[in-house]
Amino acid sequence: ASWQYSPQTKFDVGYAHLFIKEARIYDDQRTAVPSRGLIAGKYDGSADILSMQFTHQF
């Protein structure tokens, strides 16, 4: 979105939301070294990005 305050001054604002797809992890180290164990699970995430800009021409 943009707002022209005066012929020389302008404000800009932007917003984005990022959706991160769910991912699974499965890392079995027990076959190589039994004491290392197993990591198993899933994760997902998201991010919000807000940007603002002020422009003044002279």
PDB file of N, CA and C in Angstrom:
ATOM      1  N   ALA A   1       0.849  -1.171   0.000  1.00  0.00           N
ATOM      2  CA  ALA A   1       0.000   0.000   0.000  1.00  0.00           C
ATOM      3  C   ALA A   1       0.893   1.231   0.000  1.00  0.00           C
ATOM      4  N   SER A   2       0.409   2.253  -0.645  1.00  0.00           N
ATOM      5  CA  SER A   2       1.205   3.464  -0.777  1.00  0.00           C
ATOM      6  C   SER A   2       0.330   4.669  -0.458  1.00  0.00           C
ATOM      7  N   TRP A   3       0.913   5.646   0.200  1.00  0.00           N
ATOM      8  CA  TRP A   3       0.201   6.875   0.540  1.00  0.00           C
ATOM      9  C   TRP A   3       1.080   8.056   0.183  1.00  0.00           C
ATOM     10  N   GLN A   4       0.586   8.895  -0.712  1.00  0.00           N
ATOM     11  CA  GLN A   4       1.310  10.088  -1.148  1.00  0.00           C
ATOM     12  C   GLN A   4       0.887  11.233  -0.235  1.00  0.00           C
ATOM     13  N   TYR A   5       1.742  11.587   0.713  1.00  0.00           N
ATOM     14  CA  TYR A   5       1.442  12.645   1.680  1.00  0.00           C
ATOM     15  C   TYR A   5       1.504  14.021   1.024  1.00  0.00           C
ATOM     16  N   SER A   6       2.507  14.217   0.203  1.00  0.00           N
ATOM     17  CA  SER A   6       2.687  15.467  -0.545  1.00  0.00           C
ATOM     18  C   SER A   6       3.414  15.113  -1.839  1.00  0.00           C
ATOM     19  N   PRO A   7       3.600  16.062  -2.746  1.00  0.00           N
ATOM     20  CA  PRO A   7       4.325  15.742  -3.980  1.00  0.00           C
ATOM     21  C   PRO A   7       5.753  15.232  -3.744  1.00  0.00           C
ATOM     22  N   GLN A   8       6.344  15.563  -2.606  1.00  0.00           N
ATOM     23  CA  GLN A   8       7.716  15.135  -2.319  1.00  0.00           C
ATOM     24  C   GLN A   8       7.796  13.986  -1.307  1.00  0.00           C
ATOM     25  N   THR A   9       6.713  13.672  -0.628  1.00  0.00           N
ATOM     26  CA  THR A   9       6.762  12.701   0.470  1.00  0.00           C
ATOM     27  C   THR A   9       5.788  11.551   0.224  1.00  0.00           C
ATOM     28  N   LYS A  10       6.291  10.342   0.431  1.00  0.00           N
ATOM     29  CA  LYS A  10       5.472   9.156   0.186  1.00  0.00           C
ATOM     30  C   LYS A  10       5.783   8.095   1.233  1.00  0.00           C
ATOM     31  N   PHE A  11       4.758   7.373   1.660  1.00  0.00           N
ATOM     32  CA  PHE A  11       4.891   6.257   2.596  1.00  0.00           C
ATOM     33  C   PHE A  11       4.452   4.977   1.895  1.00  0.00           C
ATOM     34  N   ASP A  12       5.209   3.906   2.067  1.00  0.00           N
ATOM     35  CA  ASP A  12       4.870   2.596   1.515  1.00  0.00           C
ATOM     36  C   ASP A  12       4.889   1.567   2.637  1.00  0.00           C
ATOM     37  N   VAL A  13       3.924   0.653   2.593  1.00  0.00           N
ATOM     38  CA  VAL A  13       3.836  -0.419   3.588  1.00  0.00           C
ATOM     39  C   VAL A  13       3.572  -1.723   2.846  1.00  0.00           C
ATOM     40  N   GLY A  14       4.239  -2.790   3.275  1.00  0.00           N
ATOM     41  CA  GLY A  14       4.026  -4.106   2.690  1.00  0.00           C
ATOM     42  C   GLY A  14       3.933  -5.168   3.766  1.00  0.00           C
ATOM     43  N   TYR A  15       3.201  -6.231   3.471  1.00  0.00           N
ATOM     44  CA  TYR A  15       3.029  -7.329   4.422  1.00  0.00           C
ATOM     45  C   TYR A  15       3.015  -8.642   3.653  1.00  0.00           C
ATOM     46  N   ALA A  16       3.643  -9.651   4.226  1.00  0.00           N
ATOM     47  CA  ALA A  16       3.622 -10.991   3.638  1.00  0.00           C
ATOM     48  C   ALA A  16       3.558 -12.022   4.758  1.00  0.00           C
ATOM     49  N   HIS A  17       2.810 -13.081   4.527  1.00  0.00           N
ATOM     50  CA  HIS A  17       2.759 -14.213   5.452  1.00  0.00           C
ATOM     51  C   HIS A  17       3.235 -15.438   4.680  1.00  0.00           C
ATOM     52  N   LEU A  18       4.244 -16.104   5.194  1.00  0.00           N
ATOM     53  CA  LEU A  18       4.801 -17.278   4.534  1.00  0.00           C
ATOM     54  C   LEU A  18       4.317 -18.531   5.247  1.00  0.00           C
ATOM     55  N   PHE A  19       3.778 -19.456   4.486  1.00  0.00           N
ATOM     56  CA  PHE A  19       3.355 -20.747   5.005  1.00  0.00           C
ATOM     57  C   PHE A  19       4.455 -21.750   4.677  1.00  0.00           C
ATOM     58  N   ILE A  20       4.958 -22.432   5.678  1.00  0.00           N
ATOM     59  CA  ILE A  20       6.015 -23.418   5.481  1.00  0.00           C
ATOM     60  C   ILE A  20       5.402 -24.799   5.650  1.00  0.00           C
ATOM     61  N   LYS A  21       5.547 -25.607   4.638  1.00  0.00           N
ATOM     62  CA  LYS A  21       4.941 -26.933   4.615  1.00  0.00           C
ATOM     63  C   LYS A  21       5.505 -27.811   5.731  1.00  0.00           C
ATOM     64  N   GLU A  22       4.635 -28.629   6.312  1.00  0.00           N
ATOM     65  CA  GLU A  22       5.068 -29.560   7.358  1.00  0.00           C
ATOM     66  C   GLU A  22       6.088 -30.546   6.786  1.00  0.00           C
ATOM     67  N   ALA A  23       7.121 -30.816   7.553  1.00  0.00           N
ATOM     68  CA  ALA A  23       8.163 -31.753   7.127  1.00  0.00           C
ATOM     69  C   ALA A  23       8.411 -32.763   8.241  1.00  0.00           C
ATOM     70  N   ARG A  24       8.798 -33.927   7.853  1.00  0.00           N
ATOM     71  CA  ARG A  24       9.107 -34.986   8.815  1.00  0.00           C
ATOM     72  C   ARG A  24      10.605 -35.264   8.799  1.00  0.00           C
ATOM     73  N   ILE A  25      11.106 -35.698   9.946  1.00  0.00           N
ATOM     74  CA  ILE A  25      12.514 -36.064  10.053  1.00  0.00           C
ATOM     75  C   ILE A  25      12.596 -37.457  10.665  1.00  0.00           C
ATOM     76  N   TYR A  26      13.464 -38.252  10.102  1.00  0.00           N
ATOM     77  CA  TYR A  26      13.702 -39.595  10.626  1.00  0.00           C
ATOM     78  C   TYR A  26      15.178 -39.898  10.404  1.00  0.00           C
ATOM     79  N   ASP A  27      15.952 -39.871  11.457  1.00  0.00           N
ATOM     80  CA  ASP A  27      17.398 -40.097  11.376  1.00  0.00           C
ATOM     81  C   ASP A  27      17.763 -41.201  12.362  1.00  0.00           C
ATOM     82  N   ASP A  28      17.986 -42.368  11.837  1.00  0.00           N
ATOM     83  CA  ASP A  28      18.299 -43.530  12.674  1.00  0.00           C
ATOM     84  C   ASP A  28      19.797 -43.809  12.614  1.00  0.00           C
ATOM     85  N   GLN A  29      20.504 -43.495  13.688  1.00  0.00           N
ATOM     86  CA  GLN A  29      21.942 -43.724  13.779  1.00  0.00           C
ATOM     87  C   GLN A  29      22.261 -45.015  14.533  1.00  0.00           C
ATOM     88  N   ARG A  30      21.244 -45.750  14.934  1.00  0.00           N
ATOM     89  CA  ARG A  30      21.472 -46.950  15.743  1.00  0.00           C
ATOM     90  C   ARG A  30      22.166 -48.063  14.962  1.00  0.00           C
ATOM     91  N   THR A  31      22.017 -48.084  13.645  1.00  0.00           N
ATOM     92  CA  THR A  31      22.666 -49.150  12.878  1.00  0.00           C
ATOM     93  C   THR A  31      24.176 -48.942  12.804  1.00  0.00           C
ATOM     94  N   ALA A  32      24.626 -47.684  12.748  1.00  0.00           N
ATOM     95  CA  ALA A  32      26.063 -47.397  12.693  1.00  0.00           C
ATOM     96  C   ALA A  32      26.698 -47.497  14.079  1.00  0.00           C
ATOM     97  N   VAL A  33      26.134 -46.802  15.038  1.00  0.00           N
ATOM     98  CA  VAL A  33      26.630 -46.794  16.420  1.00  0.00           C
ATOM     99  C   VAL A  33      25.410 -46.880  17.332  1.00  0.00           C
ATOM    100  N   PRO A  34      25.197 -48.002  18.013  1.00  0.00           N
ATOM    101  CA  PRO A  34      23.976 -48.189  18.801  1.00  0.00           C
ATOM    102  C   PRO A  34      23.718 -47.109  19.852  1.00  0.00           C
ATOM    103  N   SER A  35      24.751 -46.486  20.377  1.00  0.00           N
ATOM    104  CA  SER A  35      24.540 -45.485  21.428  1.00  0.00           C
ATOM    105  C   SER A  35      24.057 -44.135  20.890  1.00  0.00           C
ATOM    106  N   ARG A  36      24.078 -43.938  19.576  1.00  0.00           N
ATOM    107  CA  ARG A  36      23.670 -42.639  19.010  1.00  0.00           C
ATOM    108  C   ARG A  36      22.161 -42.430  19.049  1.00  0.00           C
ATOM    109  N   GLY A  37      21.385 -43.442  18.816  1.00  0.00           N
ATOM    110  CA  GLY A  37      19.936 -43.332  18.955  1.00  0.00           C
ATOM    111  C   GLY A  37      19.194 -42.955  17.690  1.00  0.00           C
ATOM    112  N   LEU A  38      17.974 -42.512  17.907  1.00  0.00           N
ATOM    113  CA  LEU A  38      17.023 -42.240  16.832  1.00  0.00           C
ATOM    114  C   LEU A  38      16.417 -40.856  17.033  1.00  0.00           C
ATOM    115  N   ILE A  39      16.320 -40.101  15.962  1.00  0.00           N
ATOM    116  CA  ILE A  39      15.615 -38.824  15.980  1.00  0.00           C
ATOM    117  C   ILE A  39      14.446 -38.960  15.017  1.00  0.00           C
ATOM    118  N   ALA A  40      13.240 -38.771  15.531  1.00  0.00           N
ATOM    119  CA  ALA A  40      12.042 -38.859  14.696  1.00  0.00           C
ATOM    120  C   ALA A  40      11.071 -37.769  15.127  1.00  0.00           C
ATOM    121  N   GLY A  41      10.466 -37.110  14.167  1.00  0.00           N
ATOM    122  CA  GLY A  41       9.501 -36.072  14.498  1.00  0.00           C
ATOM    123  C   GLY A  41       9.031 -35.340  13.265  1.00  0.00           C
ATOM    124  N   LYS A  42       8.332 -34.256  13.502  1.00  0.00           N
ATOM    125  CA  LYS A  42       7.861 -33.418  12.410  1.00  0.00           C
ATOM    126  C   LYS A  42       7.883 -31.967  12.872  1.00  0.00           C
ATOM    127  N   TYR A  43       7.932 -31.065  11.918  1.00  0.00           N
ATOM    128  CA  TYR A  43       7.920 -29.646  12.249  1.00  0.00           C
ATOM    129  C   TYR A  43       7.230 -28.874  11.130  1.00  0.00           C
ATOM    130  N   ASP A  44       6.731 -27.726  11.492  1.00  0.00           N
ATOM    131  CA  ASP A  44       6.180 -26.802  10.516  1.00  0.00           C
ATOM    132  C   ASP A  44       6.439 -25.390  11.020  1.00  0.00           C
ATOM    133  N   GLY A  45       6.207 -24.431  10.183  1.00  0.00           N
ATOM    134  CA  GLY A  45       6.480 -23.067  10.606  1.00  0.00           C
ATOM    135  C   GLY A  45       5.774 -22.061   9.724  1.00  0.00           C
ATOM    136  N   SER A  46       5.891 -20.821  10.123  1.00  0.00           N
ATOM    137  CA  SER A  46       5.353 -19.720   9.341  1.00  0.00           C
ATOM    138  C   SER A  46       6.133 -18.460   9.706  1.00  0.00           C
ATOM    139  N   ALA A  47       5.990 -17.452   8.875  1.00  0.00           N
ATOM    140  CA  ALA A  47       6.684 -16.189   9.127  1.00  0.00           C
ATOM    141  C   ALA A  47       5.802 -15.032   8.673  1.00  0.00           C
ATOM    142  N   ASP A  48       5.834 -13.961   9.433  1.00  0.00           N
ATOM    143  CA  ASP A  48       5.150 -12.726   9.071  1.00  0.00           C
ATOM    144  C   ASP A  48       6.214 -11.662   8.817  1.00  0.00           C
ATOM    145  N   ILE A  49       6.100 -10.986   7.684  1.00  0.00           N
ATOM    146  CA  ILE A  49       7.067  -9.957   7.312  1.00  0.00           C
ATOM    147  C   ILE A  49       6.309  -8.647   7.090  1.00  0.00           C
ATOM    148  N   LEU A  50       6.711  -7.634   7.808  1.00  0.00           N
ATOM    149  CA  LEU A  50       6.124  -6.305   7.668  1.00  0.00           C
ATOM    150  C   LEU A  50       7.233  -5.344   7.255  1.00  0.00           C
ATOM    151  N   SER A  51       7.000  -4.580   6.200  1.00  0.00           N
ATOM    152  CA  SER A  51       8.012  -3.621   5.754  1.00  0.00           C
ATOM    153  C   SER A  51       7.371  -2.243   5.604  1.00  0.00           C
ATOM    154  N   MET A  52       8.165  -1.222   5.920  1.00  0.00           N
ATOM    155  CA  MET A  52       7.706   0.161   5.816  1.00  0.00           C
ATOM    156  C   MET A  52       8.814   0.990   5.171  1.00  0.00           C
ATOM    157  N   GLN A  53       8.400   1.935   4.347  1.00  0.00           N
ATOM    158  CA  GLN A  53       9.374   2.787   3.675  1.00  0.00           C
ATOM    159  C   GLN A  53       8.860   4.221   3.650  1.00  0.00           C
ATOM    160  N   PHE A  54       9.761   5.146   3.885  1.00  0.00           N
ATOM    161  CA  PHE A  54       9.472   6.578   3.810  1.00  0.00           C
ATOM    162  C   PHE A  54      10.376   7.165   2.737  1.00  0.00           C
ATOM    163  N   THR A  55       9.791   7.867   1.775  1.00  0.00           N
ATOM    164  CA  THR A  55      10.563   8.477   0.698  1.00  0.00           C
ATOM    165  C   THR A  55      10.293   9.977   0.676  1.00  0.00           C
ATOM    166  N   HIS A  56      11.363  10.738   0.675  1.00  0.00           N
ATOM    167  CA  HIS A  56      11.236  12.197   0.570  1.00  0.00           C
ATOM    168  C   HIS A  56      12.191  12.678  -0.519  1.00  0.00           C
ATOM    169  N   GLN A  57      11.659  13.367  -1.493  1.00  0.00           N
ATOM    170  CA  GLN A  57      12.471  13.895  -2.592  1.00  0.00           C
ATOM    171  C   GLN A  57      12.704  15.381  -2.382  1.00  0.00           C
ATOM    172  N   PHE A  58      13.925  15.802  -2.625  1.00  0.00           N
ATOM    173  CA  PHE A  58      14.229  17.233  -2.518  1.00  0.00           C
ATOM    174  C   PHE A  58      15.220  17.628  -3.574  1.00  0.00           C
TER     175      PHE A  58
END
